[in-house]
Amino acid sequence: MADNFDNEEKDYKTFLNETKQDFKDNIGLSEGEQRRIIQTGRNTARTTNIMVSLAILLLIIPVMTILTYGFYSIGGRADKLIDVAAKTIYVTEPNMSLEEMEIEDEIGFFSMNILFDVYKRIGNEDYKMGDYDIRFALDEPDFPKKELLLEHPLSENPKPETERLFHPNASNFGFYSSEWTTLNKIPDGTVAEVYLSLSKLMSPKQVEDLMPSNVEVRWLAVDTGMEKKQVDSEGVPITPLGYPAQIDTTIWSPFNGREQSNEEVFVDILELLKENQEVSTTVARAKSLALEDRLAYVKKHGISIYGAVVTGPTPELRKLENMKEISIMRMGEVKLWNWE
């Protein structure tokens, strides 16, 4: 019985060994071939991982884009940011305007860039004076990137001595010099922009009536209660606040005169900027607008003008030197004759 069991076990081992040998003879792979198979498997797995990652990215990109567009479209958030930035220019940059229909916006991943050109009226023509690029991370603004084409740009870090418009009761008012000598040396066949500081506060109509017929008032600087010191309550320099003196008949301008006077629009804009002070302060040159206090002052005391930006033929502008109502004149831009 035991002999039979031993014989069967021996036969089984013999059969198993023969089967293994047959497998090696018929299907066996060399060591090199085995390595190639393993490497092929690895490459296939790597390629699969890459393709899966790309597919996930291709799905994430449109989702993020849709979310970003949704963020800026909800409640008209993009339009509001554009509106605040544009109106900040109107009331903080003397004699500067923009074509609101030409403002471009570029939506990125949870960001938006606003791009627009700015213009000045010199003589009878509007000249492009540069462009702005303002980036928003969601609704947080970065400082604007500017490319300005000005011969006499205003300081990016305003200080009392670098400004062009001065309140008649400003500190050290008597130390600020005029630039009549420069204006007198400019050829007659030109038009110019000049900044006029008045010897006393006036109404907008009084300023208009003061100018000769061939001189156009472009921008009026408003007394807001802080121009005497030219800094806010914490000692930070402020920028002038004012508004265009003329009606702009273009549909998109807030100063189109259709429903409100320019003075009323100015007050409404200050309300808007106060509610969006982070954006307006970032866009403006000065890093303090102190809008709450200045708006309250204007509402209480009304519109009084302490300075103006005017333009016209250079010979006509020279005649302003002898007016007792004008205390200081500072030069702006100069262009070839276009006054027809």
C-alpha atoms as a PDB file:
ATOM      1  CA  MET A   1       0.000   0.000   0.000  1.00  0.00           C
ATOM      2  CA  ALA A   2       2.810   2.321   0.947  1.00  0.00           C
ATOM      3  CA  ASP A   3       4.670   1.317  -2.211  1.00  0.00           C
ATOM      4  CA  ASN A   4       1.666   2.296  -4.337  1.00  0.00           C
ATOM      5  CA  PHE A   5       1.465   5.726  -2.641  1.00  0.00           C
ATOM      6  CA  ASP A   6       5.185   6.368  -3.193  1.00  0.00           C
ATOM      7  CA  ASN A   7       4.854   5.399  -6.840  1.00  0.00           C
ATOM      8  CA  GLU A   8       1.885   7.764  -7.322  1.00  0.00           C
ATOM      9  CA  GLU A   9       3.726  10.696  -5.652  1.00  0.00           C
ATOM     10  CA  LYS A  10       6.759  10.023  -7.852  1.00  0.00           C
ATOM     11  CA  ASP A  11       4.584   9.959 -10.969  1.00  0.00           C
ATOM     12  CA  TYR A  12       2.913  13.266  -9.911  1.00  0.00           C
ATOM     13  CA  LYS A  13       6.261  15.018  -9.400  1.00  0.00           C
ATOM     14  CA  THR A  14       7.477  13.674 -12.724  1.00  0.00           C
ATOM     15  CA  PHE A  15       4.356  14.992 -14.447  1.00  0.00           C
ATOM     16  CA  LEU A  16       4.695  18.374 -12.716  1.00  0.00           C
ATOM     17  CA  ASN A  17       8.336  18.723 -13.712  1.00  0.00           C
ATOM     18  CA  GLU A  18       7.534  17.790 -17.316  1.00  0.00           C
ATOM     19  CA  THR A  19       4.720  20.376 -17.381  1.00  0.00           C
ATOM     20  CA  LYS A  20       7.016  23.159 -16.053  1.00  0.00           C
ATOM     21  CA  GLN A  21       9.634  22.249 -18.617  1.00  0.00           C
ATOM     22  CA  ASP A  22       7.082  22.289 -21.423  1.00  0.00           C
ATOM     23  CA  PHE A  23       5.921  25.780 -20.270  1.00  0.00           C
ATOM     24  CA  LYS A  24       9.487  27.069 -20.239  1.00  0.00           C
ATOM     25  CA  ASP A  25      10.187  25.533 -23.638  1.00  0.00           C
ATOM     26  CA  ASN A  26       7.055  26.937 -25.277  1.00  0.00           C
ATOM     27  CA  ILE A  27       6.301  30.220 -23.480  1.00  0.00           C
ATOM     28  CA  GLY A  28       9.369  31.072 -21.480  1.00  0.00           C
ATOM     29  CA  LEU A  29      10.850  34.613 -21.731  1.00  0.00           C
ATOM     30  CA  SER A  30      14.407  35.718 -21.415  1.00  0.00           C
ATOM     31  CA  GLU A  31      15.409  38.151 -18.659  1.00  0.00           C
ATOM     32  CA  GLY A  32      15.730  40.988 -21.194  1.00  0.00           C
ATOM     33  CA  GLU A  33      12.272  40.325 -22.564  1.00  0.00           C
ATOM     34  CA  GLN A  34      10.851  40.350 -19.058  1.00  0.00           C
ATOM     35  CA  ARG A  35      12.461  43.751 -18.385  1.00  0.00           C
ATOM     36  CA  ARG A  36      11.009  45.149 -21.591  1.00  0.00           C
ATOM     37  CA  ILE A  37       7.537  44.011 -20.587  1.00  0.00           C
ATOM     38  CA  ILE A  38       7.900  45.597 -17.156  1.00  0.00           C
ATOM     39  CA  GLN A  39       9.151  48.898 -18.705  1.00  0.00           C
ATOM     40  CA  THR A  40       6.287  48.896 -21.188  1.00  0.00           C
ATOM     41  CA  GLY A  41       3.853  48.490 -18.311  1.00  0.00           C
ATOM     42  CA  ARG A  42       5.422  51.365 -16.458  1.00  0.00           C
ATOM     43  CA  ASN A  43       5.306  53.626 -19.527  1.00  0.00           C
ATOM     44  CA  THR A  44       1.664  52.743 -20.119  1.00  0.00           C
ATOM     45  CA  ALA A  45       0.795  53.533 -16.505  1.00  0.00           C
ATOM     46  CA  ARG A  46       2.665  56.864 -16.699  1.00  0.00           C
ATOM     47  CA  THR A  47       0.907  57.815 -19.919  1.00  0.00           C
ATOM     48  CA  THR A  48      -2.434  56.904 -18.412  1.00  0.00           C
ATOM     49  CA  ASN A  49      -1.731  59.089 -15.374  1.00  0.00           C
ATOM     50  CA  ILE A  50      -0.761  62.024 -17.578  1.00  0.00           C
ATOM     51  CA  MET A  51      -3.884  61.674 -19.704  1.00  0.00           C
ATOM     52  CA  VAL A  52      -6.093  61.480 -16.615  1.00  0.00           C
ATOM     53  CA  SER A  53      -4.399  64.589 -15.158  1.00  0.00           C
ATOM     54  CA  LEU A  54      -4.883  66.512 -18.420  1.00  0.00           C
ATOM     55  CA  ALA A  55      -8.516  65.483 -18.554  1.00  0.00           C
ATOM     56  CA  ILE A  56      -9.023  66.754 -14.992  1.00  0.00           C
ATOM     57  CA  LEU A  57      -7.302  70.062 -15.863  1.00  0.00           C
ATOM     58  CA  LEU A  58      -9.407  70.453 -18.986  1.00  0.00           C
ATOM     59  CA  LEU A  59     -12.463  70.039 -16.826  1.00  0.00           C
ATOM     60  CA  ILE A  60     -11.215  72.432 -14.114  1.00  0.00           C
ATOM     61  CA  ILE A  61     -10.376  75.299 -16.520  1.00  0.00           C
ATOM     62  CA  PRO A  62     -13.908  75.799 -17.885  1.00  0.00           C
ATOM     63  CA  VAL A  63     -15.377  75.317 -14.415  1.00  0.00           C
ATOM     64  CA  MET A  64     -13.081  78.017 -12.973  1.00  0.00           C
ATOM     65  CA  THR A  65     -13.848  80.312 -15.898  1.00  0.00           C
ATOM     66  CA  ILE A  66     -17.587  79.865 -15.436  1.00  0.00           C
ATOM     67  CA  LEU A  67     -17.257  80.543 -11.704  1.00  0.00           C
ATOM     68  CA  THR A  68     -15.249  83.722 -12.394  1.00  0.00           C
ATOM     69  CA  TYR A  69     -17.762  85.010 -14.930  1.00  0.00           C
ATOM     70  CA  GLY A  70     -20.499  84.186 -12.458  1.00  0.00           C
ATOM     71  CA  PHE A  71     -18.762  86.138  -9.684  1.00  0.00           C
ATOM     72  CA  TYR A  72     -18.417  89.292 -11.804  1.00  0.00           C
ATOM     73  CA  SER A  73     -21.890  89.056 -13.308  1.00  0.00           C
ATOM     74  CA  ILE A  74     -23.811  88.583 -10.041  1.00  0.00           C
ATOM     75  CA  GLY A  75     -25.319  91.913  -9.090  1.00  0.00           C
ATOM     76  CA  GLY A  76     -23.483  93.642 -11.955  1.00  0.00           C
ATOM     77  CA  ARG A  77     -20.239  93.508  -9.958  1.00  0.00           C
ATOM     78  CA  ALA A  78     -17.982  94.013 -13.012  1.00  0.00           C
ATOM     79  CA  ASP A  79     -19.995  96.995 -14.260  1.00  0.00           C
ATOM     80  CA  LYS A  80     -19.885  98.550 -10.803  1.00  0.00           C
ATOM     81  CA  LEU A  81     -16.106  98.195 -10.505  1.00  0.00           C
ATOM     82  CA  ILE A  82     -15.679  99.727 -13.969  1.00  0.00           C
ATOM     83  CA  ASP A  83     -18.050 102.564 -13.056  1.00  0.00           C
ATOM     84  CA  VAL A  84     -16.197 103.372  -9.832  1.00  0.00           C
ATOM     85  CA  ALA A  85     -12.791 103.360 -11.558  1.00  0.00           C
ATOM     86  CA  ALA A  86     -14.003 105.589 -14.414  1.00  0.00           C
ATOM     87  CA  LYS A  87     -15.702 108.121 -12.170  1.00  0.00           C
ATOM     88  CA  THR A  88     -12.658 108.304  -9.909  1.00  0.00           C
ATOM     89  CA  ILE A  89     -10.714 109.605 -12.908  1.00  0.00           C
ATOM     90  CA  TYR A  90     -13.322 112.284 -13.669  1.00  0.00           C
ATOM     91  CA  VAL A  91     -13.236 113.829 -10.192  1.00  0.00           C
ATOM     92  CA  THR A  92      -9.581 113.358  -9.157  1.00  0.00           C
ATOM     93  CA  GLU A  93      -7.648 113.990 -12.381  1.00  0.00           C
ATOM     94  CA  PRO A  94      -8.016 117.608 -13.580  1.00  0.00           C
ATOM     95  CA  ASN A  95      -9.203 117.959 -17.188  1.00  0.00           C
ATOM     96  CA  MET A  96      -8.991 114.231 -17.822  1.00  0.00           C
ATOM     97  CA  SER A  97     -11.747 112.118 -19.320  1.00  0.00           C
ATOM     98  CA  LEU A  98     -12.256 108.727 -20.906  1.00  0.00           C
ATOM     99  CA  GLU A  99     -14.394 107.070 -23.538  1.00  0.00           C
ATOM    100  CA  GLU A 100     -16.493 104.739 -21.423  1.00  0.00           C
ATOM    101  CA  MET A 101     -17.765 102.850 -24.474  1.00  0.00           C
ATOM    102  CA  GLU A 102     -14.162 101.892 -25.230  1.00  0.00           C
ATOM    103  CA  ILE A 103     -13.363 100.469 -21.784  1.00  0.00           C
ATOM    104  CA  GLU A 104     -12.258  96.849 -22.099  1.00  0.00           C
ATOM    105  CA  ASP A 105     -12.378  94.146 -19.479  1.00  0.00           C
ATOM    106  CA  GLU A 106     -10.446  90.888 -19.517  1.00  0.00           C
ATOM    107  CA  ILE A 107     -11.601  88.051 -17.250  1.00  0.00           C
ATOM    108  CA  GLY A 108      -8.971  85.647 -15.899  1.00  0.00           C
ATOM    109  CA  PHE A 109      -9.074  83.021 -13.153  1.00  0.00           C
ATOM    110  CA  PHE A 110     -10.832  84.842 -10.315  1.00  0.00           C
ATOM    111  CA  SER A 111      -9.484  88.160 -11.624  1.00  0.00           C
ATOM    112  CA  MET A 112     -10.421  90.949 -14.010  1.00  0.00           C
ATOM    113  CA  ASN A 113      -8.385  93.613 -15.778  1.00  0.00           C
ATOM    114  CA  ILE A 114      -9.922  96.948 -16.781  1.00  0.00           C
ATOM    115  CA  LEU A 115      -8.162  98.733 -19.634  1.00  0.00           C
ATOM    116  CA  PHE A 116      -8.966 102.209 -20.926  1.00  0.00           C
ATOM    117  CA  ASP A 117      -7.423 105.293 -22.538  1.00  0.00           C
ATOM    118  CA  VAL A 118      -7.512 108.765 -20.977  1.00  0.00           C
ATOM    119  CA  TYR A 119      -7.826 112.094 -22.798  1.00  0.00           C
ATOM    120  CA  LYS A 120      -7.291 115.809 -22.205  1.00  0.00           C
ATOM    121  CA  ARG A 121      -8.910 118.705 -24.048  1.00  0.00           C
ATOM    122  CA  ILE A 122      -6.138 121.046 -25.172  1.00  0.00           C
ATOM    123  CA  GLY A 123      -7.462 123.906 -27.257  1.00  0.00           C
ATOM    124  CA  ASN A 124     -10.329 122.557 -29.337  1.00  0.00           C
ATOM    125  CA  GLU A 125      -9.198 118.931 -29.573  1.00  0.00           C
ATOM    126  CA  ASP A 126      -9.118 115.900 -27.301  1.00  0.00           C
ATOM    127  CA  TYR A 127      -5.717 114.247 -27.140  1.00  0.00           C
ATOM    128  CA  LYS A 128      -4.958 110.763 -25.889  1.00  0.00           C
ATOM    129  CA  MET A 129      -2.749 111.201 -22.858  1.00  0.00           C
ATOM    130  CA  GLY A 130      -2.144 107.588 -21.895  1.00  0.00           C
ATOM    131  CA  ASP A 131      -3.800 104.407 -20.746  1.00  0.00           C
ATOM    132  CA  TYR A 132      -4.669 102.599 -17.535  1.00  0.00           C
ATOM    133  CA  ASP A 133      -4.595  98.892 -16.688  1.00  0.00           C
ATOM    134  CA  ILE A 134      -6.293  98.091 -13.377  1.00  0.00           C
ATOM    135  CA  ARG A 135      -6.281  94.491 -12.120  1.00  0.00           C
ATOM    136  CA  PHE A 136      -8.822  93.172  -9.652  1.00  0.00           C
ATOM    137  CA  ALA A 137      -8.263  89.938  -7.716  1.00  0.00           C
ATOM    138  CA  LEU A 138     -11.955  89.181  -7.304  1.00  0.00           C
ATOM    139  CA  ASP A 139     -13.018  92.673  -6.130  1.00  0.00           C
ATOM    140  CA  GLU A 140      -9.700  93.688  -4.537  1.00  0.00           C
ATOM    141  CA  PRO A 141      -7.942  96.282  -6.747  1.00  0.00           C
ATOM    142  CA  ASP A 142      -4.227  96.529  -7.435  1.00  0.00           C
ATOM    143  CA  PHE A 143      -2.554  99.874  -8.040  1.00  0.00           C
ATOM    144  CA  PRO A 144      -3.109 100.937 -11.660  1.00  0.00           C
ATOM    145  CA  LYS A 145      -0.439 100.422 -14.279  1.00  0.00           C
ATOM    146  CA  LYS A 146      -0.242 103.703 -16.191  1.00  0.00           C
ATOM    147  CA  GLU A 147       1.443 104.736 -19.403  1.00  0.00           C
ATOM    148  CA  LEU A 148       1.011 108.517 -19.552  1.00  0.00           C
ATOM    149  CA  LEU A 149       2.091 110.734 -22.446  1.00  0.00           C
ATOM    150  CA  LEU A 150       2.191 114.010 -20.531  1.00  0.00           C
ATOM    151  CA  GLU A 151       4.819 116.739 -20.719  1.00  0.00           C
ATOM    152  CA  HIS A 152       3.805 117.934 -17.253  1.00  0.00           C
ATOM    153  CA  PRO A 153       2.446 114.904 -15.355  1.00  0.00           C
ATOM    154  CA  LEU A 154       1.082 115.333 -11.869  1.00  0.00           C
ATOM    155  CA  SER A 155       3.114 113.680  -9.132  1.00  0.00           C
ATOM    156  CA  GLU A 156       2.228 110.066  -8.327  1.00  0.00           C
ATOM    157  CA  ASN A 157       3.023 110.885  -4.692  1.00  0.00           C
ATOM    158  CA  PRO A 158       1.191 114.173  -4.179  1.00  0.00           C
ATOM    159  CA  LYS A 159       2.678 116.731  -1.841  1.00  0.00           C
ATOM    160  CA  PRO A 160       1.543 120.316  -1.350  1.00  0.00           C
ATOM    161  CA  GLU A 161       4.580 121.676  -3.202  1.00  0.00           C
ATOM    162  CA  THR A 162       4.093 119.391  -6.226  1.00  0.00           C
ATOM    163  CA  GLU A 163       0.427 120.184  -6.833  1.00  0.00           C
ATOM    164  CA  ARG A 164      -0.895 122.635  -9.433  1.00  0.00           C
ATOM    165  CA  LEU A 165      -3.976 123.992  -7.664  1.00  0.00           C
ATOM    166  CA  PHE A 166      -3.838 125.821  -4.331  1.00  0.00           C
ATOM    167  CA  HIS A 167      -6.532 127.005  -1.941  1.00  0.00           C
ATOM    168  CA  PRO A 168      -6.370 130.781  -1.222  1.00  0.00           C
ATOM    169  CA  ASN A 169      -6.064 130.016   2.500  1.00  0.00           C
ATOM    170  CA  ALA A 170      -3.551 127.199   2.068  1.00  0.00           C
ATOM    171  CA  SER A 171      -0.537 127.018   4.336  1.00  0.00           C
ATOM    172  CA  ASN A 172       2.509 128.749   2.792  1.00  0.00           C
ATOM    173  CA  PHE A 173       0.300 129.991  -0.040  1.00  0.00           C
ATOM    174  CA  GLY A 174       2.607 132.937  -0.695  1.00  0.00           C
ATOM    175  CA  PHE A 175       5.591 130.673  -1.315  1.00  0.00           C
ATOM    176  CA  TYR A 176       4.087 128.967  -4.379  1.00  0.00           C
ATOM    177  CA  SER A 177       5.305 130.600  -7.577  1.00  0.00           C
ATOM    178  CA  SER A 178       3.540 131.141 -10.877  1.00  0.00           C
ATOM    179  CA  GLU A 179       4.840 130.123 -14.298  1.00  0.00           C
ATOM    180  CA  TRP A 180       3.896 133.161 -16.375  1.00  0.00           C
ATOM    181  CA  THR A 181       7.474 133.452 -17.646  1.00  0.00           C
ATOM    182  CA  THR A 182       7.227 129.980 -19.153  1.00  0.00           C
ATOM    183  CA  LEU A 183       3.881 130.780 -20.775  1.00  0.00           C
ATOM    184  CA  ASN A 184       5.258 134.022 -22.236  1.00  0.00           C
ATOM    185  CA  LYS A 185       8.050 132.103 -23.963  1.00  0.00           C
ATOM    186  CA  ILE A 186       5.696 129.698 -25.736  1.00  0.00           C
ATOM    187  CA  PRO A 187       5.097 130.601 -29.429  1.00  0.00           C
ATOM    188  CA  ASP A 188       1.837 132.291 -30.376  1.00  0.00           C
ATOM    189  CA  GLY A 189       0.777 129.553 -32.800  1.00  0.00           C
ATOM    190  CA  THR A 190      -0.049 127.173 -29.989  1.00  0.00           C
ATOM    191  CA  VAL A 191      -2.818 126.284 -27.569  1.00  0.00           C
ATOM    192  CA  ALA A 192      -2.214 125.436 -23.938  1.00  0.00           C
ATOM    193  CA  GLU A 193      -3.701 124.123 -20.729  1.00  0.00           C
ATOM    194  CA  VAL A 194      -3.075 126.045 -17.515  1.00  0.00           C
ATOM    195  CA  TYR A 195      -3.982 125.537 -13.847  1.00  0.00           C
ATOM    196  CA  LEU A 196      -5.361 128.627 -12.127  1.00  0.00           C
ATOM    197  CA  SER A 197      -5.502 129.090  -8.362  1.00  0.00           C
ATOM    198  CA  LEU A 198      -7.963 131.785  -7.357  1.00  0.00           C
ATOM    199  CA  SER A 199      -7.352 134.544  -4.831  1.00  0.00           C
ATOM    200  CA  LYS A 200     -10.729 133.830  -3.202  1.00  0.00           C
ATOM    201  CA  LEU A 201     -13.479 131.225  -3.308  1.00  0.00           C
ATOM    202  CA  MET A 202     -15.995 131.671  -6.140  1.00  0.00           C
ATOM    203  CA  SER A 203     -19.133 130.079  -7.475  1.00  0.00           C
ATOM    204  CA  PRO A 204     -18.875 128.043 -10.707  1.00  0.00           C
ATOM    205  CA  LYS A 205     -20.700 130.807 -12.609  1.00  0.00           C
ATOM    206  CA  GLN A 206     -18.325 133.481 -11.308  1.00  0.00           C
ATOM    207  CA  VAL A 207     -15.367 131.468 -12.595  1.00  0.00           C
ATOM    208  CA  GLU A 208     -17.010 131.078 -16.014  1.00  0.00           C
ATOM    209  CA  ASP A 209     -17.810 134.791 -16.190  1.00  0.00           C
ATOM    210  CA  LEU A 210     -14.244 135.668 -15.241  1.00  0.00           C
ATOM    211  CA  MET A 211     -12.724 134.063 -18.332  1.00  0.00           C
ATOM    212  CA  PRO A 212     -12.336 135.826 -21.701  1.00  0.00           C
ATOM    213  CA  SER A 213     -14.461 134.504 -24.568  1.00  0.00           C
ATOM    214  CA  ASN A 214     -11.545 132.599 -26.137  1.00  0.00           C
ATOM    215  CA  VAL A 215     -10.655 130.761 -22.934  1.00  0.00           C
ATOM    216  CA  GLU A 216     -12.620 127.656 -21.972  1.00  0.00           C
ATOM    217  CA  VAL A 217     -12.944 126.432 -18.395  1.00  0.00           C
ATOM    218  CA  ARG A 218     -12.434 122.661 -18.417  1.00  0.00           C
ATOM    219  CA  TRP A 219     -12.332 121.532 -14.777  1.00  0.00           C
ATOM    220  CA  LEU A 220     -13.279 123.112 -11.443  1.00  0.00           C
ATOM    221  CA  ALA A 221     -11.535 122.321  -8.142  1.00  0.00           C
ATOM    222  CA  VAL A 222     -14.015 122.242  -5.243  1.00  0.00           C
ATOM    223  CA  ASP A 223     -13.361 123.415  -1.692  1.00  0.00           C
ATOM    224  CA  THR A 224     -13.989 120.353   0.513  1.00  0.00           C
ATOM    225  CA  GLY A 225     -12.658 121.730   3.788  1.00  0.00           C
ATOM    226  CA  MET A 226      -9.223 120.060   3.631  1.00  0.00           C
ATOM    227  CA  GLU A 227      -7.491 122.061   0.911  1.00  0.00           C
ATOM    228  CA  LYS A 228      -6.153 124.639   3.366  1.00  0.00           C
ATOM    229  CA  LYS A 229      -3.781 122.074   4.888  1.00  0.00           C
ATOM    230  CA  GLN A 230      -3.725 119.844   1.795  1.00  0.00           C
ATOM    231  CA  VAL A 231      -3.663 116.740   4.006  1.00  0.00           C
ATOM    232  CA  ASP A 232      -6.297 114.634   5.731  1.00  0.00           C
ATOM    233  CA  SER A 233      -6.850 114.345   9.486  1.00  0.00           C
ATOM    234  CA  GLU A 234      -3.923 111.881   9.732  1.00  0.00           C
ATOM    235  CA  GLY A 235      -1.524 114.067   7.763  1.00  0.00           C
ATOM    236  CA  VAL A 236      -1.710 112.082   4.508  1.00  0.00           C
ATOM    237  CA  PRO A 237      -1.672 114.285   1.357  1.00  0.00           C
ATOM    238  CA  ILE A 238      -4.976 114.458  -0.472  1.00  0.00           C
ATOM    239  CA  THR A 239      -5.789 114.932  -4.125  1.00  0.00           C
ATOM    240  CA  PRO A 240      -7.996 117.781  -5.377  1.00  0.00           C
ATOM    241  CA  LEU A 241     -11.623 116.885  -5.960  1.00  0.00           C
ATOM    242  CA  GLY A 242     -13.504 118.550  -8.764  1.00  0.00           C
ATOM    243  CA  TYR A 243     -15.573 118.038 -11.880  1.00  0.00           C
ATOM    244  CA  PRO A 244     -15.731 118.962 -15.580  1.00  0.00           C
ATOM    245  CA  ALA A 245     -17.042 122.481 -16.113  1.00  0.00           C
ATOM    246  CA  GLN A 246     -18.596 121.768 -19.518  1.00  0.00           C
ATOM    247  CA  ILE A 247     -21.468 119.531 -20.519  1.00  0.00           C
ATOM    248  CA  ASP A 248     -20.248 116.409 -22.331  1.00  0.00           C
ATOM    249  CA  THR A 249     -22.876 115.504 -24.913  1.00  0.00           C
ATOM    250  CA  THR A 250     -21.652 111.930 -25.369  1.00  0.00           C
ATOM    251  CA  ILE A 251     -24.234 109.426 -24.148  1.00  0.00           C
ATOM    252  CA  TRP A 252     -21.870 107.495 -21.877  1.00  0.00           C
ATOM    253  CA  SER A 253     -20.486 110.491 -19.959  1.00  0.00           C
ATOM    254  CA  PRO A 254     -21.942 110.984 -16.466  1.00  0.00           C
ATOM    255  CA  PHE A 255     -21.707 114.733 -17.147  1.00  0.00           C
ATOM    256  CA  ASN A 256     -24.000 114.681 -20.191  1.00  0.00           C
ATOM    257  CA  GLY A 257     -26.417 117.244 -18.721  1.00  0.00           C
ATOM    258  CA  ARG A 258     -29.519 115.249 -19.555  1.00  0.00           C
ATOM    259  CA  GLU A 259     -31.036 114.880 -16.090  1.00  0.00           C
ATOM    260  CA  GLN A 260     -28.685 116.616 -13.651  1.00  0.00           C
ATOM    261  CA  SER A 261     -26.301 119.540 -13.534  1.00  0.00           C
ATOM    262  CA  ASN A 262     -22.579 118.800 -13.353  1.00  0.00           C
ATOM    263  CA  GLU A 263     -22.590 119.931  -9.710  1.00  0.00           C
ATOM    264  CA  GLU A 264     -25.294 117.388  -8.841  1.00  0.00           C
ATOM    265  CA  VAL A 265     -23.484 114.619 -10.701  1.00  0.00           C
ATOM    266  CA  PHE A 266     -20.295 115.506  -8.814  1.00  0.00           C
ATOM    267  CA  VAL A 267     -22.000 115.040  -5.438  1.00  0.00           C
ATOM    268  CA  ASP A 268     -23.556 111.749  -6.580  1.00  0.00           C
ATOM    269  CA  ILE A 269     -20.142 110.503  -7.686  1.00  0.00           C
ATOM    270  CA  LEU A 270     -18.646 111.335  -4.302  1.00  0.00           C
ATOM    271  CA  GLU A 271     -21.430 109.267  -2.714  1.00  0.00           C
ATOM    272  CA  LEU A 272     -20.569 106.339  -4.988  1.00  0.00           C
ATOM    273  CA  LEU A 273     -16.840 106.630  -4.305  1.00  0.00           C
ATOM    274  CA  LYS A 274     -17.421 106.842  -0.550  1.00  0.00           C
ATOM    275  CA  GLU A 275     -19.346 103.562  -0.683  1.00  0.00           C
ATOM    276  CA  ASN A 276     -16.478 102.004  -2.655  1.00  0.00           C
ATOM    277  CA  GLN A 277     -13.598 103.825  -1.028  1.00  0.00           C
ATOM    278  CA  GLU A 278     -11.066 100.994  -1.290  1.00  0.00           C
ATOM    279  CA  VAL A 279     -11.379 100.931  -5.075  1.00  0.00           C
ATOM    280  CA  SER A 280     -11.513 104.714  -5.548  1.00  0.00           C
ATOM    281  CA  THR A 281      -8.534 105.362  -3.255  1.00  0.00           C
ATOM    282  CA  THR A 282      -6.452 102.725  -5.033  1.00  0.00           C
ATOM    283  CA  VAL A 283      -7.261 104.149  -8.464  1.00  0.00           C
ATOM    284  CA  ALA A 284      -6.600 107.784  -7.452  1.00  0.00           C
ATOM    285  CA  ARG A 285      -3.096 109.279  -7.308  1.00  0.00           C
ATOM    286  CA  ALA A 286      -3.294 110.265  -3.650  1.00  0.00           C
ATOM    287  CA  LYS A 287      -3.671 107.426  -1.198  1.00  0.00           C
ATOM    288  CA  SER A 288      -6.215 109.334   0.841  1.00  0.00           C
ATOM    289  CA  LEU A 289      -9.468 110.765  -0.453  1.00  0.00           C
ATOM    290  CA  ALA A 290     -11.090 111.256   2.973  1.00  0.00           C
ATOM    291  CA  LEU A 291     -14.419 111.076   1.200  1.00  0.00           C
ATOM    292  CA  GLU A 292     -16.693 110.842   4.198  1.00  0.00           C
ATOM    293  CA  ASP A 293     -15.510 114.121   5.715  1.00  0.00           C
ATOM    294  CA  ARG A 294     -15.148 115.938   2.408  1.00  0.00           C
ATOM    295  CA  LEU A 295     -18.562 114.880   1.136  1.00  0.00           C
ATOM    296  CA  ALA A 296     -20.182 115.998   4.378  1.00  0.00           C
ATOM    297  CA  TYR A 297     -18.468 119.390   4.032  1.00  0.00           C
ATOM    298  CA  VAL A 298     -19.704 119.866   0.457  1.00  0.00           C
ATOM    299  CA  LYS A 299     -23.256 118.936   1.430  1.00  0.00           C
ATOM    300  CA  LYS A 300     -23.180 121.419   4.271  1.00  0.00           C
ATOM    301  CA  HIS A 301     -21.425 124.349   2.571  1.00  0.00           C
ATOM    302  CA  GLY A 302     -22.303 123.827  -1.088  1.00  0.00           C
ATOM    303  CA  ILE A 303     -20.036 124.085  -4.131  1.00  0.00           C
ATOM    304  CA  SER A 304     -17.290 126.696  -3.861  1.00  0.00           C
ATOM    305  CA  ILE A 305     -14.415 126.812  -6.344  1.00  0.00           C
ATOM    306  CA  TYR A 306     -10.810 127.579  -5.428  1.00  0.00           C
ATOM    307  CA  GLY A 307      -9.106 126.648  -8.693  1.00  0.00           C
ATOM    308  CA  ALA A 308      -9.725 125.803 -12.334  1.00  0.00           C
ATOM    309  CA  VAL A 309      -8.089 124.220 -15.354  1.00  0.00           C
ATOM    310  CA  VAL A 310      -8.596 126.250 -18.517  1.00  0.00           C
ATOM    311  CA  THR A 311      -7.467 126.003 -22.117  1.00  0.00           C
ATOM    312  CA  GLY A 312      -7.270 128.277 -25.124  1.00  0.00           C
ATOM    313  CA  PRO A 313      -4.876 130.066 -27.496  1.00  0.00           C
ATOM    314  CA  THR A 314      -1.618 130.896 -25.753  1.00  0.00           C
ATOM    315  CA  PRO A 315      -1.899 134.665 -26.432  1.00  0.00           C
ATOM    316  CA  GLU A 316      -5.341 134.695 -24.772  1.00  0.00           C
ATOM    317  CA  LEU A 317      -4.064 132.819 -21.741  1.00  0.00           C
ATOM    318  CA  ARG A 318      -1.304 135.388 -21.233  1.00  0.00           C
ATOM    319  CA  LYS A 319      -3.984 138.030 -20.630  1.00  0.00           C
ATOM    320  CA  LEU A 320      -5.013 136.259 -17.429  1.00  0.00           C
ATOM    321  CA  GLU A 321      -1.795 137.330 -15.717  1.00  0.00           C
ATOM    322  CA  ASN A 322      -3.165 140.768 -14.864  1.00  0.00           C
ATOM    323  CA  MET A 323      -6.394 139.532 -13.247  1.00  0.00           C
ATOM    324  CA  LYS A 324      -6.434 140.136  -9.506  1.00  0.00           C
ATOM    325  CA  GLU A 325      -8.770 137.153  -9.062  1.00  0.00           C
ATOM    326  CA  ILE A 326      -5.969 134.794 -10.164  1.00  0.00           C
ATOM    327  CA  SER A 327      -3.126 134.348  -7.736  1.00  0.00           C
ATOM    328  CA  ILE A 328      -1.071 131.430  -9.083  1.00  0.00           C
ATOM    329  CA  MET A 329      -0.770 129.899 -12.553  1.00  0.00           C
ATOM    330  CA  ARG A 330       0.887 126.588 -13.272  1.00  0.00           C
ATOM    331  CA  MET A 331       1.545 125.173 -16.745  1.00  0.00           C
ATOM    332  CA  GLY A 332      -0.154 122.121 -18.165  1.00  0.00           C
ATOM    333  CA  GLU A 333       0.098 120.692 -21.673  1.00  0.00           C
ATOM    334  CA  VAL A 334       0.871 122.602 -24.886  1.00  0.00           C
ATOM    335  CA  LYS A 335      -0.152 121.682 -28.440  1.00  0.00           C
ATOM    336  CA  LEU A 336       0.103 123.193 -31.906  1.00  0.00           C
ATOM    337  CA  TRP A 337      -2.665 125.554 -32.990  1.00  0.00           C
ATOM    338  CA  ASN A 338      -6.104 123.960 -33.352  1.00  0.00           C
ATOM    339  CA  TRP A 339      -8.370 126.828 -32.235  1.00  0.00           C
ATOM    340  CA  GLU A 340     -10.810 127.339 -35.097  1.00  0.00           C
END
